[in-house]
Amino acid sequence: MEGWLVLDGYEDEPAAFGVPNYLGFHIRYICGVLEARGVPYTYMTIDEWRMHQKPRLAELGQRGALRREMSELAGAVVLAGAVVPGKYVRGTPISRREMDDFLAVFPSGQPVLCGGWAIRPSRHDGWPHSRANLFCAVKDIDSSLAHSLQTGDGGQAQRAREQ
């Protein structure tokens, strides 16, 4: 992993079309912001996290190794969508517990920008983690990321809408 980690927690929104085997447009916007600025990043789906990284959380030594690997990252962007009831044929969006587990292992010194429908209630209810570098984008996550990269601090930003 290098640069920023872009964790695709999937958007289960019909208009976003982001559950595998599709790649949602919001995650493409996020990667586009990083691409446009020449910022290196690692794209990972929540399914890849579940297969390769989540098992490492159970063992203390592996958990420490994962945290050290992630400490080399510049930050993380996590896009999550609402989990709707029913059976998912392909990919299930990231759960609140998985998000909490991710935040617990991701080094607190690096920024984490979260966005998508699933974080909106979390932002208003108060996220259970006391992280100085946790930012929940309730507007456009890609614009918020661009603003953060440009200014060095988190802030809500929205794409310019054409009149």
N, C-alpha and C. Protein backbone atom coordinates (compact mmCIF):
# COMPACT_ATOMS: atom_id res chain seq x y z
N MET A 1 0.84 -1.18 0.00
CA MET A 1 0.00 0.00 0.00
C MET A 1 0.89 1.24 0.00
N GLU A 2 0.44 2.23 -0.76
CA GLU A 2 1.21 3.47 -0.80
C GLU A 2 0.28 4.67 -0.95
N GLY A 3 0.77 5.82 -0.57
CA GLY A 3 0.01 7.05 -0.71
C GLY A 3 -1.22 7.05 0.19
N TRP A 4 -2.37 7.23 -0.41
CA TRP A 4 -3.64 7.19 0.30
C TRP A 4 -4.29 5.83 0.09
N LEU A 5 -5.00 5.37 1.08
CA LEU A 5 -5.81 4.16 0.93
C LEU A 5 -7.23 4.60 0.60
N VAL A 6 -7.76 4.12 -0.50
CA VAL A 6 -9.15 4.37 -0.88
C VAL A 6 -9.89 3.06 -0.63
N LEU A 7 -10.68 3.04 0.43
CA LEU A 7 -11.42 1.83 0.80
C LEU A 7 -12.85 1.97 0.29
N ASP A 8 -13.19 1.16 -0.68
CA ASP A 8 -14.52 1.17 -1.29
C ASP A 8 -15.43 0.27 -0.47
N GLY A 9 -16.25 0.90 0.38
CA GLY A 9 -17.19 0.16 1.21
C GLY A 9 -18.50 -0.10 0.50
N TYR A 10 -18.60 0.25 -0.76
CA TYR A 10 -19.74 0.05 -1.65
C TYR A 10 -20.91 0.95 -1.31
N GLU A 11 -21.52 1.42 -2.33
CA GLU A 11 -22.75 2.19 -2.22
C GLU A 11 -23.88 1.33 -2.77
N ASP A 12 -24.84 1.05 -1.97
CA ASP A 12 -25.98 0.27 -2.44
C ASP A 12 -27.12 1.23 -2.77
N GLU A 13 -26.83 2.11 -3.67
CA GLU A 13 -27.82 3.07 -4.13
C GLU A 13 -28.07 2.77 -5.60
N PRO A 14 -29.33 2.60 -6.00
CA PRO A 14 -29.59 2.27 -7.41
C PRO A 14 -28.95 3.25 -8.38
N ALA A 15 -28.96 4.53 -8.05
CA ALA A 15 -28.39 5.53 -8.96
C ALA A 15 -26.87 5.49 -8.95
N ALA A 16 -26.26 5.05 -7.86
CA ALA A 16 -24.80 5.01 -7.79
C ALA A 16 -24.24 3.73 -8.40
N PHE A 17 -25.04 2.67 -8.43
CA PHE A 17 -24.67 1.43 -9.11
C PHE A 17 -23.30 0.92 -8.67
N GLY A 18 -23.06 0.88 -7.35
CA GLY A 18 -21.71 0.61 -6.89
C GLY A 18 -21.46 -0.69 -6.17
N VAL A 19 -22.35 -1.67 -6.24
CA VAL A 19 -22.08 -2.96 -5.62
C VAL A 19 -21.51 -3.86 -6.71
N PRO A 20 -20.44 -4.63 -6.42
CA PRO A 20 -19.80 -5.42 -7.48
C PRO A 20 -20.82 -6.24 -8.23
N ASN A 21 -20.63 -6.38 -9.43
CA ASN A 21 -19.47 -6.19 -10.26
C ASN A 21 -19.36 -4.80 -10.88
N TYR A 22 -19.97 -3.83 -10.29
CA TYR A 22 -19.94 -2.46 -10.78
C TYR A 22 -19.06 -1.60 -9.88
N LEU A 23 -18.52 -0.55 -10.47
CA LEU A 23 -17.73 0.41 -9.73
C LEU A 23 -18.52 1.72 -9.68
N GLY A 24 -18.94 2.12 -8.50
CA GLY A 24 -19.78 3.30 -8.36
C GLY A 24 -19.08 4.58 -8.81
N PHE A 25 -19.88 5.57 -9.18
CA PHE A 25 -19.28 6.79 -9.69
C PHE A 25 -18.65 7.63 -8.60
N HIS A 26 -19.13 7.59 -7.35
CA HIS A 26 -18.50 8.39 -6.29
C HIS A 26 -17.07 7.93 -6.01
N ILE A 27 -16.85 6.62 -6.01
CA ILE A 27 -15.49 6.12 -5.77
C ILE A 27 -14.58 6.51 -6.94
N ARG A 28 -15.13 6.56 -8.14
CA ARG A 28 -14.35 7.00 -9.30
C ARG A 28 -14.00 8.48 -9.18
N TYR A 29 -14.92 9.29 -8.64
CA TYR A 29 -14.63 10.71 -8.42
C TYR A 29 -13.49 10.87 -7.42
N ILE A 30 -13.52 10.08 -6.34
CA ILE A 30 -12.47 10.14 -5.31
C ILE A 30 -11.12 9.82 -5.93
N CYS A 31 -11.06 8.71 -6.67
CA CYS A 31 -9.80 8.33 -7.31
C CYS A 31 -9.38 9.37 -8.34
N GLY A 32 -10.35 9.99 -9.01
CA GLY A 32 -10.05 11.05 -9.98
C GLY A 32 -9.39 12.26 -9.35
N VAL A 33 -9.82 12.61 -8.14
CA VAL A 33 -9.20 13.73 -7.42
C VAL A 33 -7.73 13.41 -7.17
N LEU A 34 -7.45 12.21 -6.72
CA LEU A 34 -6.06 11.81 -6.44
C LEU A 34 -5.25 11.72 -7.73
N GLU A 35 -5.86 11.14 -8.77
CA GLU A 35 -5.18 11.03 -10.07
C GLU A 35 -4.82 12.41 -10.63
N ALA A 36 -5.78 13.34 -10.58
CA ALA A 36 -5.57 14.67 -11.14
C ALA A 36 -4.42 15.41 -10.46
N ARG A 37 -4.19 15.10 -9.20
CA ARG A 37 -3.12 15.77 -8.45
C ARG A 37 -1.83 14.96 -8.42
N GLY A 38 -1.83 13.80 -9.07
CA GLY A 38 -0.65 12.95 -9.09
C GLY A 38 -0.34 12.34 -7.74
N VAL A 39 -1.36 12.19 -6.90
CA VAL A 39 -1.18 11.62 -5.56
C VAL A 39 -1.31 10.10 -5.66
N PRO A 40 -0.29 9.36 -5.23
CA PRO A 40 -0.39 7.90 -5.29
C PRO A 40 -1.45 7.39 -4.31
N TYR A 41 -2.11 6.30 -4.69
CA TYR A 41 -3.12 5.72 -3.82
C TYR A 41 -3.25 4.23 -4.07
N THR A 42 -3.81 3.55 -3.10
CA THR A 42 -4.12 2.13 -3.21
C THR A 42 -5.63 2.00 -3.11
N TYR A 43 -6.24 1.43 -4.14
CA TYR A 43 -7.68 1.18 -4.13
C TYR A 43 -7.92 -0.22 -3.60
N MET A 44 -8.84 -0.34 -2.65
CA MET A 44 -9.16 -1.63 -2.06
C MET A 44 -10.67 -1.69 -1.80
N THR A 45 -11.29 -2.78 -2.20
CA THR A 45 -12.70 -2.95 -1.89
C THR A 45 -12.84 -3.51 -0.48
N ILE A 46 -14.02 -3.38 0.09
CA ILE A 46 -14.25 -3.95 1.42
C ILE A 46 -14.12 -5.47 1.37
N ASP A 47 -14.45 -6.07 0.23
CA ASP A 47 -14.27 -7.52 0.11
C ASP A 47 -12.79 -7.91 0.15
N GLU A 48 -11.93 -7.11 -0.48
CA GLU A 48 -10.49 -7.37 -0.40
C GLU A 48 -10.00 -7.19 1.04
N TRP A 49 -10.50 -6.17 1.73
CA TRP A 49 -10.16 -5.96 3.14
C TRP A 49 -10.56 -7.18 3.96
N ARG A 50 -11.77 -7.65 3.73
CA ARG A 50 -12.29 -8.82 4.48
C ARG A 50 -11.43 -10.05 4.25
N MET A 51 -10.99 -10.26 3.01
CA MET A 51 -10.21 -11.46 2.69
C MET A 51 -8.78 -11.39 3.18
N HIS A 52 -8.14 -10.24 3.01
CA HIS A 52 -6.69 -10.15 3.25
C HIS A 52 -6.28 -9.45 4.54
N GLN A 53 -7.03 -8.46 4.99
CA GLN A 53 -6.60 -7.68 6.16
C GLN A 53 -7.38 -8.02 7.42
N LYS A 54 -8.67 -8.23 7.30
CA LYS A 54 -9.51 -8.48 8.48
C LYS A 54 -9.01 -9.68 9.31
N PRO A 55 -8.58 -10.79 8.69
CA PRO A 55 -8.07 -11.91 9.50
C PRO A 55 -6.85 -11.52 10.34
N ARG A 56 -6.10 -10.52 9.90
CA ARG A 56 -4.91 -10.08 10.62
C ARG A 56 -5.25 -9.35 11.91
N LEU A 57 -6.49 -8.88 12.04
CA LEU A 57 -6.90 -8.13 13.23
C LEU A 57 -6.99 -9.02 14.46
N ALA A 58 -7.22 -10.31 14.27
CA ALA A 58 -7.42 -11.22 15.39
C ALA A 58 -6.13 -11.55 16.13
N GLU A 59 -5.01 -11.54 15.43
CA GLU A 59 -3.72 -11.90 16.04
C GLU A 59 -2.93 -10.64 16.36
N LEU A 60 -2.50 -10.51 17.59
CA LEU A 60 -1.84 -9.30 18.06
C LEU A 60 -0.62 -8.92 17.21
N GLY A 61 0.23 -9.90 16.89
CA GLY A 61 1.42 -9.62 16.08
C GLY A 61 1.07 -9.14 14.69
N GLN A 62 0.09 -9.78 14.08
CA GLN A 62 -0.35 -9.39 12.74
C GLN A 62 -1.03 -8.03 12.76
N ARG A 63 -1.78 -7.77 13.83
CA ARG A 63 -2.46 -6.48 13.99
C ARG A 63 -1.42 -5.35 14.05
N GLY A 64 -0.35 -5.57 14.79
CA GLY A 64 0.73 -4.58 14.88
C GLY A 64 1.41 -4.39 13.53
N ALA A 65 1.62 -5.48 12.80
CA ALA A 65 2.24 -5.39 11.48
C ALA A 65 1.35 -4.61 10.51
N LEU A 66 0.05 -4.85 10.58
CA LEU A 66 -0.89 -4.13 9.72
C LEU A 66 -0.88 -2.64 10.06
N ARG A 67 -0.86 -2.33 11.34
CA ARG A 67 -0.82 -0.93 11.77
C ARG A 67 0.47 -0.25 11.28
N ARG A 68 1.60 -0.98 11.33
CA ARG A 68 2.87 -0.41 10.84
C ARG A 68 2.80 -0.17 9.33
N GLU A 69 2.22 -1.11 8.59
CA GLU A 69 2.08 -0.93 7.14
C GLU A 69 1.22 0.30 6.84
N MET A 70 0.15 0.45 7.60
CA MET A 70 -0.75 1.57 7.36
C MET A 70 -0.15 2.90 7.82
N SER A 71 0.82 2.85 8.72
CA SER A 71 1.44 4.09 9.20
C SER A 71 2.25 4.76 8.09
N GLU A 72 2.54 4.02 7.03
CA GLU A 72 3.27 4.59 5.90
C GLU A 72 2.36 5.30 4.92
N LEU A 73 1.04 5.16 5.11
CA LEU A 73 0.08 5.81 4.24
C LEU A 73 -0.07 7.28 4.61
N ALA A 74 -0.46 8.10 3.63
CA ALA A 74 -0.71 9.51 3.89
C ALA A 74 -2.06 9.73 4.55
N GLY A 75 -2.98 8.81 4.35
CA GLY A 75 -4.33 8.92 4.91
C GLY A 75 -5.23 7.90 4.25
N ALA A 76 -6.50 7.96 4.59
CA ALA A 76 -7.47 7.02 4.03
C ALA A 76 -8.76 7.76 3.70
N VAL A 77 -9.40 7.29 2.64
CA VAL A 77 -10.73 7.75 2.26
C VAL A 77 -11.61 6.51 2.25
N VAL A 78 -12.70 6.56 3.00
CA VAL A 78 -13.62 5.43 3.06
C VAL A 78 -14.98 5.89 2.56
N LEU A 79 -15.46 5.23 1.53
CA LEU A 79 -16.79 5.52 1.01
C LEU A 79 -17.70 4.37 1.41
N ALA A 80 -18.78 4.69 2.07
CA ALA A 80 -19.71 3.66 2.53
C ALA A 80 -21.12 4.04 2.13
N GLY A 81 -21.91 3.04 1.89
CA GLY A 81 -23.31 3.27 1.57
C GLY A 81 -24.19 2.60 2.60
N ALA A 82 -25.46 2.88 2.52
CA ALA A 82 -26.41 2.29 3.45
C ALA A 82 -26.53 0.79 3.18
N VAL A 83 -26.61 0.02 4.24
CA VAL A 83 -26.84 -1.41 4.11
C VAL A 83 -28.35 -1.62 4.17
N VAL A 84 -28.89 -2.18 3.10
CA VAL A 84 -30.32 -2.41 3.06
C VAL A 84 -30.61 -3.87 3.37
N PRO A 85 -31.76 -4.15 3.95
CA PRO A 85 -32.08 -5.54 4.29
C PRO A 85 -32.19 -6.40 3.04
N GLY A 86 -31.88 -7.65 3.21
CA GLY A 86 -31.98 -8.59 2.09
C GLY A 86 -30.68 -9.31 1.87
N LYS A 87 -30.67 -10.17 0.88
CA LYS A 87 -29.49 -10.97 0.57
C LYS A 87 -28.71 -10.31 -0.56
N TYR A 88 -27.44 -10.10 -0.32
CA TYR A 88 -26.57 -9.54 -1.35
C TYR A 88 -25.97 -10.68 -2.14
N VAL A 89 -26.09 -10.60 -3.45
CA VAL A 89 -25.57 -11.66 -4.32
C VAL A 89 -24.06 -11.51 -4.49
N ARG A 90 -23.58 -10.30 -4.57
CA ARG A 90 -22.15 -10.07 -4.80
C ARG A 90 -21.48 -9.50 -3.57
N GLY A 91 -21.42 -8.20 -3.45
CA GLY A 91 -20.70 -7.59 -2.35
C GLY A 91 -21.62 -6.90 -1.36
N THR A 92 -21.38 -7.12 -0.09
CA THR A 92 -22.15 -6.46 0.97
C THR A 92 -21.40 -5.19 1.40
N PRO A 93 -22.09 -4.06 1.48
CA PRO A 93 -21.42 -2.82 1.91
C PRO A 93 -20.79 -2.97 3.30
N ILE A 94 -19.82 -2.14 3.58
CA ILE A 94 -19.13 -2.15 4.87
C ILE A 94 -20.15 -1.90 5.98
N SER A 95 -19.99 -2.63 7.07
CA SER A 95 -20.89 -2.45 8.22
C SER A 95 -20.29 -1.44 9.19
N ARG A 96 -21.11 -0.98 10.10
CA ARG A 96 -20.64 -0.04 11.12
C ARG A 96 -19.53 -0.68 11.96
N ARG A 97 -19.69 -1.96 12.28
CA ARG A 97 -18.67 -2.65 13.07
C ARG A 97 -17.34 -2.75 12.29
N GLU A 98 -17.43 -3.05 11.01
CA GLU A 98 -16.21 -3.11 10.20
C GLU A 98 -15.54 -1.74 10.13
N MET A 99 -16.33 -0.70 10.05
CA MET A 99 -15.77 0.66 10.03
C MET A 99 -15.08 0.95 11.36
N ASP A 100 -15.71 0.55 12.45
CA ASP A 100 -15.09 0.75 13.77
C ASP A 100 -13.78 -0.03 13.88
N ASP A 101 -13.76 -1.28 13.37
CA ASP A 101 -12.54 -2.10 13.41
C ASP A 101 -11.44 -1.45 12.57
N PHE A 102 -11.81 -0.91 11.41
CA PHE A 102 -10.84 -0.24 10.55
C PHE A 102 -10.24 0.96 11.26
N LEU A 103 -11.10 1.78 11.86
CA LEU A 103 -10.62 2.97 12.57
C LEU A 103 -9.75 2.60 13.77
N ALA A 104 -10.03 1.48 14.40
CA ALA A 104 -9.25 1.06 15.56
C ALA A 104 -7.83 0.67 15.17
N VAL A 105 -7.64 0.15 13.97
CA VAL A 105 -6.30 -0.29 13.56
C VAL A 105 -5.57 0.78 12.72
N PHE A 106 -6.32 1.70 12.11
CA PHE A 106 -5.67 2.72 11.30
C PHE A 106 -4.99 3.73 12.23
N PRO A 107 -3.71 4.02 12.02
CA PRO A 107 -2.97 4.91 12.93
C PRO A 107 -3.66 6.26 13.11
N SER A 108 -3.74 6.70 14.34
CA SER A 108 -4.48 7.93 14.66
C SER A 108 -3.81 9.19 14.13
N GLY A 109 -2.54 9.11 13.76
CA GLY A 109 -1.86 10.28 13.23
C GLY A 109 -2.24 10.63 11.81
N GLN A 110 -2.80 9.68 11.08
CA GLN A 110 -3.18 9.92 9.70
C GLN A 110 -4.65 10.31 9.58
N PRO A 111 -4.95 11.19 8.63
CA PRO A 111 -6.34 11.59 8.44
C PRO A 111 -7.18 10.48 7.81
N VAL A 112 -8.44 10.42 8.21
CA VAL A 112 -9.41 9.51 7.60
C VAL A 112 -10.61 10.36 7.20
N LEU A 113 -10.92 10.33 5.93
CA LEU A 113 -12.07 11.04 5.39
C LEU A 113 -13.12 10.01 5.02
N CYS A 114 -14.28 10.14 5.62
CA CYS A 114 -15.37 9.19 5.38
C CYS A 114 -16.51 9.90 4.67
N GLY A 115 -17.17 9.18 3.79
CA GLY A 115 -18.29 9.78 3.09
C GLY A 115 -19.28 8.75 2.61
N GLY A 116 -20.39 9.24 2.14
CA GLY A 116 -21.46 8.37 1.68
C GLY A 116 -22.62 8.42 2.64
N TRP A 117 -23.68 7.81 2.26
CA TRP A 117 -24.91 7.87 3.04
C TRP A 117 -24.78 7.27 4.43
N ALA A 118 -23.97 6.27 4.61
CA ALA A 118 -23.90 5.58 5.89
C ALA A 118 -23.31 6.43 7.01
N ILE A 119 -22.48 7.41 6.68
CA ILE A 119 -21.84 8.19 7.74
C ILE A 119 -22.68 9.36 8.20
N ARG A 120 -23.70 9.72 7.44
CA ARG A 120 -24.49 10.89 7.82
C ARG A 120 -25.09 10.75 9.22
N PRO A 121 -25.77 9.64 9.53
CA PRO A 121 -26.29 9.52 10.91
C PRO A 121 -25.16 9.46 11.94
N SER A 122 -24.04 8.85 11.59
CA SER A 122 -22.92 8.73 12.52
C SER A 122 -22.37 10.09 12.88
N ARG A 123 -22.32 10.98 11.91
CA ARG A 123 -21.80 12.32 12.16
C ARG A 123 -22.72 13.07 13.11
N HIS A 124 -24.01 12.92 12.91
CA HIS A 124 -24.96 13.66 13.75
C HIS A 124 -25.12 13.03 15.13
N ASP A 125 -24.95 11.70 15.23
CA ASP A 125 -25.06 11.01 16.51
C ASP A 125 -23.77 11.11 17.31
N GLY A 126 -22.69 11.45 16.66
CA GLY A 126 -21.38 11.49 17.31
C GLY A 126 -20.68 10.16 17.11
N TRP A 127 -19.57 10.18 16.40
CA TRP A 127 -18.83 8.94 16.14
C TRP A 127 -18.24 8.45 17.46
N PRO A 128 -18.27 7.16 17.73
CA PRO A 128 -17.80 6.67 19.02
C PRO A 128 -16.29 6.78 19.22
N HIS A 129 -15.56 7.00 18.16
CA HIS A 129 -14.11 7.10 18.27
C HIS A 129 -13.71 8.55 18.46
N SER A 130 -12.81 8.78 19.37
CA SER A 130 -12.31 10.15 19.54
C SER A 130 -11.01 10.26 18.76
N ARG A 131 -11.12 10.56 17.50
CA ARG A 131 -9.99 10.73 16.59
C ARG A 131 -9.93 12.18 16.18
N ALA A 132 -8.79 12.76 16.33
CA ALA A 132 -8.63 14.15 15.91
C ALA A 132 -8.68 14.25 14.38
N ASN A 133 -8.25 13.21 13.71
CA ASN A 133 -8.12 13.27 12.25
C ASN A 133 -9.24 12.54 11.52
N LEU A 134 -10.38 12.36 12.14
CA LEU A 134 -11.53 11.74 11.49
C LEU A 134 -12.45 12.83 10.98
N PHE A 135 -12.75 12.80 9.69
CA PHE A 135 -13.59 13.81 9.10
C PHE A 135 -14.70 13.13 8.32
N CYS A 136 -15.93 13.46 8.60
CA CYS A 136 -17.08 12.89 7.92
C CYS A 136 -17.64 13.91 6.95
N ALA A 137 -17.53 13.62 5.68
CA ALA A 137 -18.01 14.53 4.64
C ALA A 137 -19.49 14.31 4.42
N VAL A 138 -20.28 15.31 4.71
CA VAL A 138 -21.72 15.20 4.47
C VAL A 138 -22.13 15.86 3.16
N LYS A 139 -21.21 16.52 2.53
CA LYS A 139 -21.47 17.06 1.19
C LYS A 139 -20.80 16.11 0.21
N ASP A 140 -20.12 16.61 -0.79
CA ASP A 140 -19.47 15.75 -1.79
C ASP A 140 -18.10 15.32 -1.28
N ILE A 141 -17.91 14.02 -1.10
CA ILE A 141 -16.66 13.51 -0.53
C ILE A 141 -15.47 13.83 -1.43
N ASP A 142 -15.66 13.78 -2.73
CA ASP A 142 -14.54 14.07 -3.63
C ASP A 142 -14.14 15.53 -3.53
N SER A 143 -15.09 16.43 -3.43
CA SER A 143 -14.77 17.86 -3.27
C SER A 143 -14.15 18.13 -1.91
N SER A 144 -14.64 17.43 -0.89
CA SER A 144 -14.06 17.57 0.45
C SER A 144 -12.62 17.08 0.46
N LEU A 145 -12.35 15.98 -0.25
CA LEU A 145 -10.98 15.47 -0.37
C LEU A 145 -10.10 16.48 -1.09
N ALA A 146 -10.59 17.03 -2.20
CA ALA A 146 -9.81 18.03 -2.95
C ALA A 146 -9.51 19.24 -2.07
N HIS A 147 -10.50 19.69 -1.31
CA HIS A 147 -10.31 20.82 -0.40
C HIS A 147 -9.25 20.48 0.66
N SER A 148 -9.33 19.27 1.21
CA SER A 148 -8.38 18.84 2.23
C SER A 148 -6.96 18.77 1.68
N LEU A 149 -6.81 18.23 0.48
CA LEU A 149 -5.48 18.14 -0.13
C LEU A 149 -4.92 19.53 -0.44
N GLN A 150 -5.79 20.44 -0.83
CA GLN A 150 -5.36 21.78 -1.19
C GLN A 150 -5.01 22.63 0.03
N THR A 151 -5.83 22.53 1.08
CA THR A 151 -5.65 23.42 2.23
C THR A 151 -4.91 22.76 3.39
N GLY A 152 -4.91 21.42 3.42
CA GLY A 152 -4.26 20.73 4.52
C GLY A 152 -5.14 20.53 5.74
N ASP A 153 -6.41 20.98 5.64
CA ASP A 153 -7.30 20.71 6.77
C ASP A 153 -8.68 20.32 6.25
N GLY A 154 -9.42 19.59 7.05
CA GLY A 154 -10.74 19.11 6.65
C GLY A 154 -11.75 20.22 6.57
N GLY A 155 -12.68 20.06 5.70
CA GLY A 155 -13.75 21.03 5.56
C GLY A 155 -14.76 20.52 4.55
N GLN A 156 -16.00 20.88 4.75
CA GLN A 156 -17.03 20.46 3.82
C GLN A 156 -16.88 21.23 2.51
N ALA A 157 -16.98 20.53 1.42
CA ALA A 157 -16.93 21.19 0.12
C ALA A 157 -17.95 20.51 -0.79
N GLN A 158 -18.40 21.27 -1.75
CA GLN A 158 -19.41 20.76 -2.66
C GLN A 158 -18.99 21.09 -4.09
N ARG A 159 -19.27 20.15 -5.00
CA ARG A 159 -18.98 20.40 -6.41
C ARG A 159 -19.80 21.59 -6.89
N ALA A 160 -19.23 22.36 -7.77
CA ALA A 160 -19.96 23.49 -8.36
C ALA A 160 -21.07 22.94 -9.23
N ARG A 161 -22.25 23.45 -9.03
CA ARG A 161 -23.40 23.02 -9.81
C ARG A 161 -23.60 24.01 -10.94
N GLU A 162 -23.79 23.46 -12.14
CA GLU A 162 -24.03 24.34 -13.28
C GLU A 162 -25.43 24.89 -13.22
N GLN A 163 -25.57 26.14 -13.59
CA GLN A 163 -26.89 26.80 -13.57
C GLN A 163 -27.66 26.52 -14.83
